[in-house]
Amino acid sequence: MNRYAYLFLFFCLFAIATFVLFDAAGITLDGLLKNQESTFTLALVSVLLLGVDVVLPVPSSVVMLSNGVFFGFALGGVLSVAGGLLSAAVGYWIGRRGQRLAQRFSTPADEQRARGFLEKYGYLAVVISRPIPILAESIAILSGTLPLDFRKVFVSSLLGLLPVAFIYSFAGAYSTSFDNAGWAFLLNLAVAGLIWLVTRGREREV
């Protein structure tokens, strides 16, 4: 089993653990959203979690799905895009800080693959890589190391994030209409798995 399969398994287990903990604590979606302070805190935490995805193994797909559940399709998508852009900016900053710092967050193999991808596709590589775990982070870091123009990297990251962020947000928002929480959970996993398979196929082309 390769590391991408392990990552997907980790995402699934994280989602299950979160569901169980919320249920055991008696935390409900309605209760959280009726509290304005809790809503702001959840929004801030979701953006920060996605922002540090470049340096920590954050299950970004689960966070994006959760944004759809908690905040609805539109706002959930906006929050996911904001977090993804923060992650791209953090990666770019790490790359600009120097090769030694960049190597602490990216393996030589990942860097080599990302470099080849950038040389082949240019800024389009930033767009294509955003939904792909590991490669997206490596591209973000390397774009700062080279360095590429930050404004173009930012816009390219935005274009790559928009589809995946709003697909996850739609799945999360739509799942709240299910009476059975189990079906909602399975829908979320199915969407995460589908996007993972599509992006995995893209990565094989690199």
C-alpha atoms as a PDB file:
ATOM      1  CA  MET A   1       0.000   0.000   0.000  1.00  0.00           C
ATOM      2  CA  ASN A   2       1.536   3.338  -1.072  1.00  0.00           C
ATOM      3  CA  ARG A   3       1.510   6.480   1.004  1.00  0.00           C
ATOM      4  CA  TYR A   4      -1.427   7.973  -0.890  1.00  0.00           C
ATOM      5  CA  ALA A   5      -3.561   5.030   0.153  1.00  0.00           C
ATOM      6  CA  TYR A   6      -2.373   5.528   3.728  1.00  0.00           C
ATOM      7  CA  LEU A   7      -3.276   9.217   3.512  1.00  0.00           C
ATOM      8  CA  PHE A   8      -6.774   8.423   2.253  1.00  0.00           C
ATOM      9  CA  LEU A   9      -7.198   5.831   5.011  1.00  0.00           C
ATOM     10  CA  PHE A  10      -6.068   8.421   7.557  1.00  0.00           C
ATOM     11  CA  PHE A  11      -8.636  10.907   6.223  1.00  0.00           C
ATOM     12  CA  CYS A  12     -11.409   8.319   6.595  1.00  0.00           C
ATOM     13  CA  LEU A  13     -10.385   7.389  10.141  1.00  0.00           C
ATOM     14  CA  PHE A  14     -10.133  11.063  11.080  1.00  0.00           C
ATOM     15  CA  ALA A  15     -13.659  11.674   9.815  1.00  0.00           C
ATOM     16  CA  ILE A  16     -15.010   8.666  11.715  1.00  0.00           C
ATOM     17  CA  ALA A  17     -13.252   9.735  14.923  1.00  0.00           C
ATOM     18  CA  THR A  18     -14.633  13.275  14.605  1.00  0.00           C
ATOM     19  CA  PHE A  19     -18.160  11.963  14.032  1.00  0.00           C
ATOM     20  CA  VAL A  20     -17.933   9.659  17.067  1.00  0.00           C
ATOM     21  CA  LEU A  21     -16.471  12.351  19.350  1.00  0.00           C
ATOM     22  CA  PHE A  22     -19.120  14.899  18.397  1.00  0.00           C
ATOM     23  CA  ASP A  23     -21.867  12.339  18.946  1.00  0.00           C
ATOM     24  CA  ALA A  24     -20.439  11.270  22.337  1.00  0.00           C
ATOM     25  CA  ALA A  25     -20.117  14.888  23.465  1.00  0.00           C
ATOM     26  CA  GLY A  26     -23.680  15.659  22.428  1.00  0.00           C
ATOM     27  CA  ILE A  27     -22.515  18.350  20.009  1.00  0.00           C
ATOM     28  CA  THR A  28     -25.037  19.040  17.261  1.00  0.00           C
ATOM     29  CA  LEU A  29     -24.740  21.053  14.078  1.00  0.00           C
ATOM     30  CA  ASP A  30     -27.695  23.272  14.988  1.00  0.00           C
ATOM     31  CA  GLY A  31     -26.244  23.968  18.424  1.00  0.00           C
ATOM     32  CA  LEU A  32     -22.915  25.055  17.000  1.00  0.00           C
ATOM     33  CA  LEU A  33     -24.362  27.266  14.301  1.00  0.00           C
ATOM     34  CA  LYS A  34     -26.751  29.056  16.664  1.00  0.00           C
ATOM     35  CA  ASN A  35     -23.769  30.277  18.662  1.00  0.00           C
ATOM     36  CA  GLN A  36     -22.211  33.194  16.752  1.00  0.00           C
ATOM     37  CA  GLU A  37     -18.908  32.932  18.608  1.00  0.00           C
ATOM     38  CA  SER A  38     -18.662  29.207  17.862  1.00  0.00           C
ATOM     39  CA  THR A  39     -19.393  29.844  14.187  1.00  0.00           C
ATOM     40  CA  PHE A  40     -16.578  32.403  13.907  1.00  0.00           C
ATOM     41  CA  THR A  41     -14.182  30.091  15.765  1.00  0.00           C
ATOM     42  CA  LEU A  42     -15.027  27.164  13.483  1.00  0.00           C
ATOM     43  CA  ALA A  43     -14.469  29.327  10.404  1.00  0.00           C
ATOM     44  CA  LEU A  44     -11.108  30.572  11.683  1.00  0.00           C
ATOM     45  CA  VAL A  45      -9.960  27.080  12.681  1.00  0.00           C
ATOM     46  CA  SER A  46     -10.909  25.622   9.296  1.00  0.00           C
ATOM     47  CA  VAL A  47      -8.935  28.289   7.414  1.00  0.00           C
ATOM     48  CA  LEU A  48      -5.900  27.869   9.684  1.00  0.00           C
ATOM     49  CA  LEU A  49      -6.010  24.067   9.395  1.00  0.00           C
ATOM     50  CA  LEU A  50      -5.984  24.291   5.614  1.00  0.00           C
ATOM     51  CA  GLY A  51      -3.281  26.944   5.820  1.00  0.00           C
ATOM     52  CA  VAL A  52      -0.839  24.695   7.691  1.00  0.00           C
ATOM     53  CA  ASP A  53      -1.570  21.740   5.395  1.00  0.00           C
ATOM     54  CA  VAL A  54       1.704  22.502   3.633  1.00  0.00           C
ATOM     55  CA  VAL A  55       3.704  21.584   6.770  1.00  0.00           C
ATOM     56  CA  LEU A  56       1.366  19.255   8.702  1.00  0.00           C
ATOM     57  CA  PRO A  57      -0.617  16.139   7.634  1.00  0.00           C
ATOM     58  CA  VAL A  58      -3.998  17.888   7.815  1.00  0.00           C
ATOM     59  CA  PRO A  59      -6.878  15.945   6.181  1.00  0.00           C
ATOM     60  CA  SER A  60      -7.788  18.850   3.911  1.00  0.00           C
ATOM     61  CA  SER A  61     -10.572  16.967   2.127  1.00  0.00           C
ATOM     62  CA  VAL A  62     -12.331  16.343   5.449  1.00  0.00           C
ATOM     63  CA  VAL A  63     -11.927  20.007   6.432  1.00  0.00           C
ATOM     64  CA  MET A  64     -13.405  21.153   3.104  1.00  0.00           C
ATOM     65  CA  LEU A  65     -16.324  18.752   3.455  1.00  0.00           C
ATOM     66  CA  SER A  66     -16.900  19.992   6.989  1.00  0.00           C
ATOM     67  CA  ASN A  67     -16.959  23.581   5.747  1.00  0.00           C
ATOM     68  CA  GLY A  68     -19.854  22.647   3.492  1.00  0.00           C
ATOM     69  CA  VAL A  69     -21.670  20.967   6.384  1.00  0.00           C
ATOM     70  CA  PHE A  70     -21.204  23.813   8.857  1.00  0.00           C
ATOM     71  CA  PHE A  71     -21.393  26.870   6.610  1.00  0.00           C
ATOM     72  CA  GLY A  72     -23.287  25.810   3.508  1.00  0.00           C
ATOM     73  CA  PHE A  73     -22.204  25.596  -0.113  1.00  0.00           C
ATOM     74  CA  ALA A  74     -21.191  29.217  -0.798  1.00  0.00           C
ATOM     75  CA  LEU A  75     -19.515  30.255   2.459  1.00  0.00           C
ATOM     76  CA  GLY A  76     -18.027  26.799   2.957  1.00  0.00           C
ATOM     77  CA  GLY A  77     -16.427  26.980  -0.478  1.00  0.00           C
ATOM     78  CA  VAL A  78     -15.082  30.474   0.156  1.00  0.00           C
ATOM     79  CA  LEU A  79     -13.510  29.376   3.457  1.00  0.00           C
ATOM     80  CA  SER A  80     -11.901  26.351   1.781  1.00  0.00           C
ATOM     81  CA  VAL A  81     -10.475  28.522  -0.990  1.00  0.00           C
ATOM     82  CA  ALA A  82      -9.152  31.007   1.590  1.00  0.00           C
ATOM     83  CA  GLY A  83      -7.455  28.218   3.534  1.00  0.00           C
ATOM     84  CA  GLY A  84      -5.972  26.739   0.374  1.00  0.00           C
ATOM     85  CA  LEU A  85      -4.586  30.112  -0.681  1.00  0.00           C
ATOM     86  CA  LEU A  86      -3.064  30.547   2.769  1.00  0.00           C
ATOM     87  CA  SER A  87      -1.398  27.144   2.358  1.00  0.00           C
ATOM     88  CA  ALA A  88      -0.001  28.170  -1.034  1.00  0.00           C
ATOM     89  CA  ALA A  89       1.326  31.421   0.450  1.00  0.00           C
ATOM     90  CA  VAL A  90       2.956  29.584   3.371  1.00  0.00           C
ATOM     91  CA  GLY A  91       4.587  27.138   0.951  1.00  0.00           C
ATOM     92  CA  TYR A  92       5.860  29.986  -1.223  1.00  0.00           C
ATOM     93  CA  TRP A  93       7.271  31.753   1.855  1.00  0.00           C
ATOM     94  CA  ILE A  94       9.056  28.557   2.947  1.00  0.00           C
ATOM     95  CA  GLY A  95      10.581  28.273  -0.524  1.00  0.00           C
ATOM     96  CA  ARG A  96      11.746  31.884  -0.462  1.00  0.00           C
ATOM     97  CA  ARG A  97      13.381  31.380   2.947  1.00  0.00           C
ATOM     98  CA  GLY A  98      15.889  29.047   1.362  1.00  0.00           C
ATOM     99  CA  GLN A  99      16.609  25.516   0.231  1.00  0.00           C
ATOM    100  CA  ARG A 100      17.538  24.233   3.681  1.00  0.00           C
ATOM    101  CA  LEU A 101      14.219  25.252   5.198  1.00  0.00           C
ATOM    102  CA  ALA A 102      12.315  23.933   2.173  1.00  0.00           C
ATOM    103  CA  GLN A 103      13.954  20.506   2.500  1.00  0.00           C
ATOM    104  CA  ARG A 104      12.548  20.164   6.020  1.00  0.00           C
ATOM    105  CA  PHE A 105       9.038  20.048   4.572  1.00  0.00           C
ATOM    106  CA  SER A 106       9.651  18.274   1.260  1.00  0.00           C
ATOM    107  CA  THR A 107      11.595  15.120   0.397  1.00  0.00           C
ATOM    108  CA  PRO A 108      14.158  15.128  -2.461  1.00  0.00           C
ATOM    109  CA  ALA A 109      11.900  12.807  -4.476  1.00  0.00           C
ATOM    110  CA  ASP A 110       8.915  15.118  -4.045  1.00  0.00           C
ATOM    111  CA  GLU A 111      11.036  18.121  -4.969  1.00  0.00           C
ATOM    112  CA  GLN A 112      12.400  16.423  -8.092  1.00  0.00           C
ATOM    113  CA  ARG A 113       8.917  15.440  -9.250  1.00  0.00           C
ATOM    114  CA  ALA A 114       7.579  18.938  -8.555  1.00  0.00           C
ATOM    115  CA  ARG A 115      10.493  20.551 -10.409  1.00  0.00           C
ATOM    116  CA  GLY A 116       9.871  18.366 -13.460  1.00  0.00           C
ATOM    117  CA  PHE A 117       6.184  19.223 -13.325  1.00  0.00           C
ATOM    118  CA  LEU A 118       6.936  22.960 -13.135  1.00  0.00           C
ATOM    119  CA  GLU A 119       9.450  22.792 -15.984  1.00  0.00           C
ATOM    120  CA  LYS A 120       6.932  20.949 -18.155  1.00  0.00           C
ATOM    121  CA  TYR A 121       3.790  22.971 -17.451  1.00  0.00           C
ATOM    122  CA  GLY A 122       4.953  26.262 -15.919  1.00  0.00           C
ATOM    123  CA  TYR A 123       2.258  28.121 -13.986  1.00  0.00           C
ATOM    124  CA  LEU A 124      -0.300  25.603 -15.238  1.00  0.00           C
ATOM    125  CA  ALA A 125       1.442  23.109 -12.931  1.00  0.00           C
ATOM    126  CA  VAL A 126       0.298  25.183  -9.957  1.00  0.00           C
ATOM    127  CA  VAL A 127      -3.303  25.041 -11.213  1.00  0.00           C
ATOM    128  CA  ILE A 128      -3.294  21.304 -11.923  1.00  0.00           C
ATOM    129  CA  SER A 129      -1.498  20.306  -8.722  1.00  0.00           C
ATOM    130  CA  ARG A 130      -3.786  22.015  -6.195  1.00  0.00           C
ATOM    131  CA  PRO A 131      -6.103  19.004  -5.677  1.00  0.00           C
ATOM    132  CA  ILE A 132      -3.197  16.517  -5.544  1.00  0.00           C
ATOM    133  CA  PRO A 133      -1.882  15.704  -2.035  1.00  0.00           C
ATOM    134  CA  ILE A 134       1.888  16.032  -1.519  1.00  0.00           C
ATOM    135  CA  LEU A 135       2.477  17.378  -5.035  1.00  0.00           C
ATOM    136  CA  ALA A 136       0.499  20.556  -4.318  1.00  0.00           C
ATOM    137  CA  GLU A 137       2.614  21.311  -1.251  1.00  0.00           C
ATOM    138  CA  SER A 138       5.862  20.539  -3.089  1.00  0.00           C
ATOM    139  CA  ILE A 139       4.871  22.792  -5.999  1.00  0.00           C
ATOM    140  CA  ALA A 140       3.976  25.615  -3.601  1.00  0.00           C
ATOM    141  CA  ILE A 141       7.356  25.385  -1.858  1.00  0.00           C
ATOM    142  CA  LEU A 142       9.336  25.043  -5.083  1.00  0.00           C
ATOM    143  CA  SER A 143       7.543  28.006  -6.662  1.00  0.00           C
ATOM    144  CA  GLY A 144       9.090  30.131  -3.919  1.00  0.00           C
ATOM    145  CA  THR A 145      12.497  28.490  -4.234  1.00  0.00           C
ATOM    146  CA  LEU A 146      12.845  29.145  -7.980  1.00  0.00           C
ATOM    147  CA  PRO A 147      11.307  31.814  -7.427  1.00  0.00           C
ATOM    148  CA  LEU A 148       8.218  32.288  -9.579  1.00  0.00           C
ATOM    149  CA  ASP A 149       6.186  35.498  -9.526  1.00  0.00           C
ATOM    150  CA  PHE A 150       4.048  35.406  -6.367  1.00  0.00           C
ATOM    151  CA  ARG A 151       1.037  37.121  -7.940  1.00  0.00           C
ATOM    152  CA  LYS A 152       0.929  34.577 -10.760  1.00  0.00           C
ATOM    153  CA  VAL A 153       1.348  31.717  -8.283  1.00  0.00           C
ATOM    154  CA  PHE A 154      -1.488  33.155  -6.188  1.00  0.00           C
ATOM    155  CA  VAL A 155      -3.850  33.459  -9.173  1.00  0.00           C
ATOM    156  CA  SER A 156      -2.887  29.982 -10.427  1.00  0.00           C
ATOM    157  CA  SER A 157      -3.543  28.529  -6.973  1.00  0.00           C
ATOM    158  CA  LEU A 158      -6.942  30.245  -6.916  1.00  0.00           C
ATOM    159  CA  LEU A 159      -7.898  28.730 -10.277  1.00  0.00           C
ATOM    160  CA  GLY A 160      -6.848  25.274  -9.108  1.00  0.00           C
ATOM    161  CA  LEU A 161      -8.646  25.546  -5.781  1.00  0.00           C
ATOM    162  CA  LEU A 162     -12.033  26.820  -6.968  1.00  0.00           C
ATOM    163  CA  PRO A 163     -13.369  23.556  -8.491  1.00  0.00           C
ATOM    164  CA  VAL A 164     -12.232  21.154  -5.771  1.00  0.00           C
ATOM    165  CA  ALA A 165     -13.163  23.471  -2.886  1.00  0.00           C
ATOM    166  CA  PHE A 166     -16.716  23.983  -4.119  1.00  0.00           C
ATOM    167  CA  ILE A 167     -17.192  20.308  -5.041  1.00  0.00           C
ATOM    168  CA  TYR A 168     -16.301  19.325  -1.482  1.00  0.00           C
ATOM    169  CA  SER A 169     -18.435  22.148  -0.113  1.00  0.00           C
ATOM    170  CA  PHE A 170     -21.410  21.056  -2.218  1.00  0.00           C
ATOM    171  CA  ALA A 171     -21.070  17.485  -0.950  1.00  0.00           C
ATOM    172  CA  GLY A 172     -20.886  18.672   2.647  1.00  0.00           C
ATOM    173  CA  ALA A 173     -23.815  21.084   2.303  1.00  0.00           C
ATOM    174  CA  TYR A 174     -25.974  18.525   0.488  1.00  0.00           C
ATOM    175  CA  SER A 175     -25.269  15.858   3.106  1.00  0.00           C
ATOM    176  CA  THR A 176     -27.082  17.937   5.750  1.00  0.00           C
ATOM    177  CA  SER A 177     -30.360  17.278   3.939  1.00  0.00           C
ATOM    178  CA  PHE A 178     -30.089  13.555   4.670  1.00  0.00           C
ATOM    179  CA  ASP A 179     -32.114  12.281   7.615  1.00  0.00           C
ATOM    180  CA  ASN A 180     -29.702   9.403   8.091  1.00  0.00           C
ATOM    181  CA  ALA A 181     -26.253  10.584   9.224  1.00  0.00           C
ATOM    182  CA  GLY A 182     -24.715   7.334   7.998  1.00  0.00           C
ATOM    183  CA  TRP A 183     -25.765   8.055   4.419  1.00  0.00           C
ATOM    184  CA  ALA A 184     -24.395  11.569   4.701  1.00  0.00           C
ATOM    185  CA  PHE A 185     -21.071  10.218   5.910  1.00  0.00           C
ATOM    186  CA  LEU A 186     -20.919   7.690   3.056  1.00  0.00           C
ATOM    187  CA  LEU A 187     -21.668  10.453   0.546  1.00  0.00           C
ATOM    188  CA  ASN A 188     -18.768  12.504   1.868  1.00  0.00           C
ATOM    189  CA  LEU A 189     -16.390   9.551   1.675  1.00  0.00           C
ATOM    190  CA  ALA A 190     -17.567   8.729  -1.854  1.00  0.00           C
ATOM    191  CA  VAL A 191     -16.866  12.275  -3.048  1.00  0.00           C
ATOM    192  CA  ALA A 192     -13.478  12.317  -1.325  1.00  0.00           C
ATOM    193  CA  GLY A 193     -12.617   8.961  -2.906  1.00  0.00           C
ATOM    194  CA  LEU A 194     -13.729  10.079  -6.380  1.00  0.00           C
ATOM    195  CA  ILE A 195     -11.657  13.257  -6.274  1.00  0.00           C
ATOM    196  CA  TRP A 196      -8.709  11.284  -4.914  1.00  0.00           C
ATOM    197  CA  LEU A 197      -8.917   8.801  -7.816  1.00  0.00           C
ATOM    198  CA  VAL A 198      -9.150  11.585 -10.402  1.00  0.00           C
ATOM    199  CA  THR A 199      -6.192  13.499  -8.969  1.00  0.00           C
ATOM    200  CA  ARG A 200      -4.203  10.266  -8.610  1.00  0.00           C
ATOM    201  CA  GLY A 201      -4.717   9.691 -12.317  1.00  0.00           C
ATOM    202  CA  ARG A 202      -3.425  13.166 -13.059  1.00  0.00           C
ATOM    203  CA  GLU A 203      -0.346  12.529 -10.958  1.00  0.00           C
ATOM    204  CA  ARG A 204       0.536   9.433 -12.996  1.00  0.00           C
ATOM    205  CA  GLU A 205       0.801  11.694 -16.029  1.00  0.00           C
ATOM    206  CA  VAL A 206       3.527  13.775 -14.348  1.00  0.00           C
END
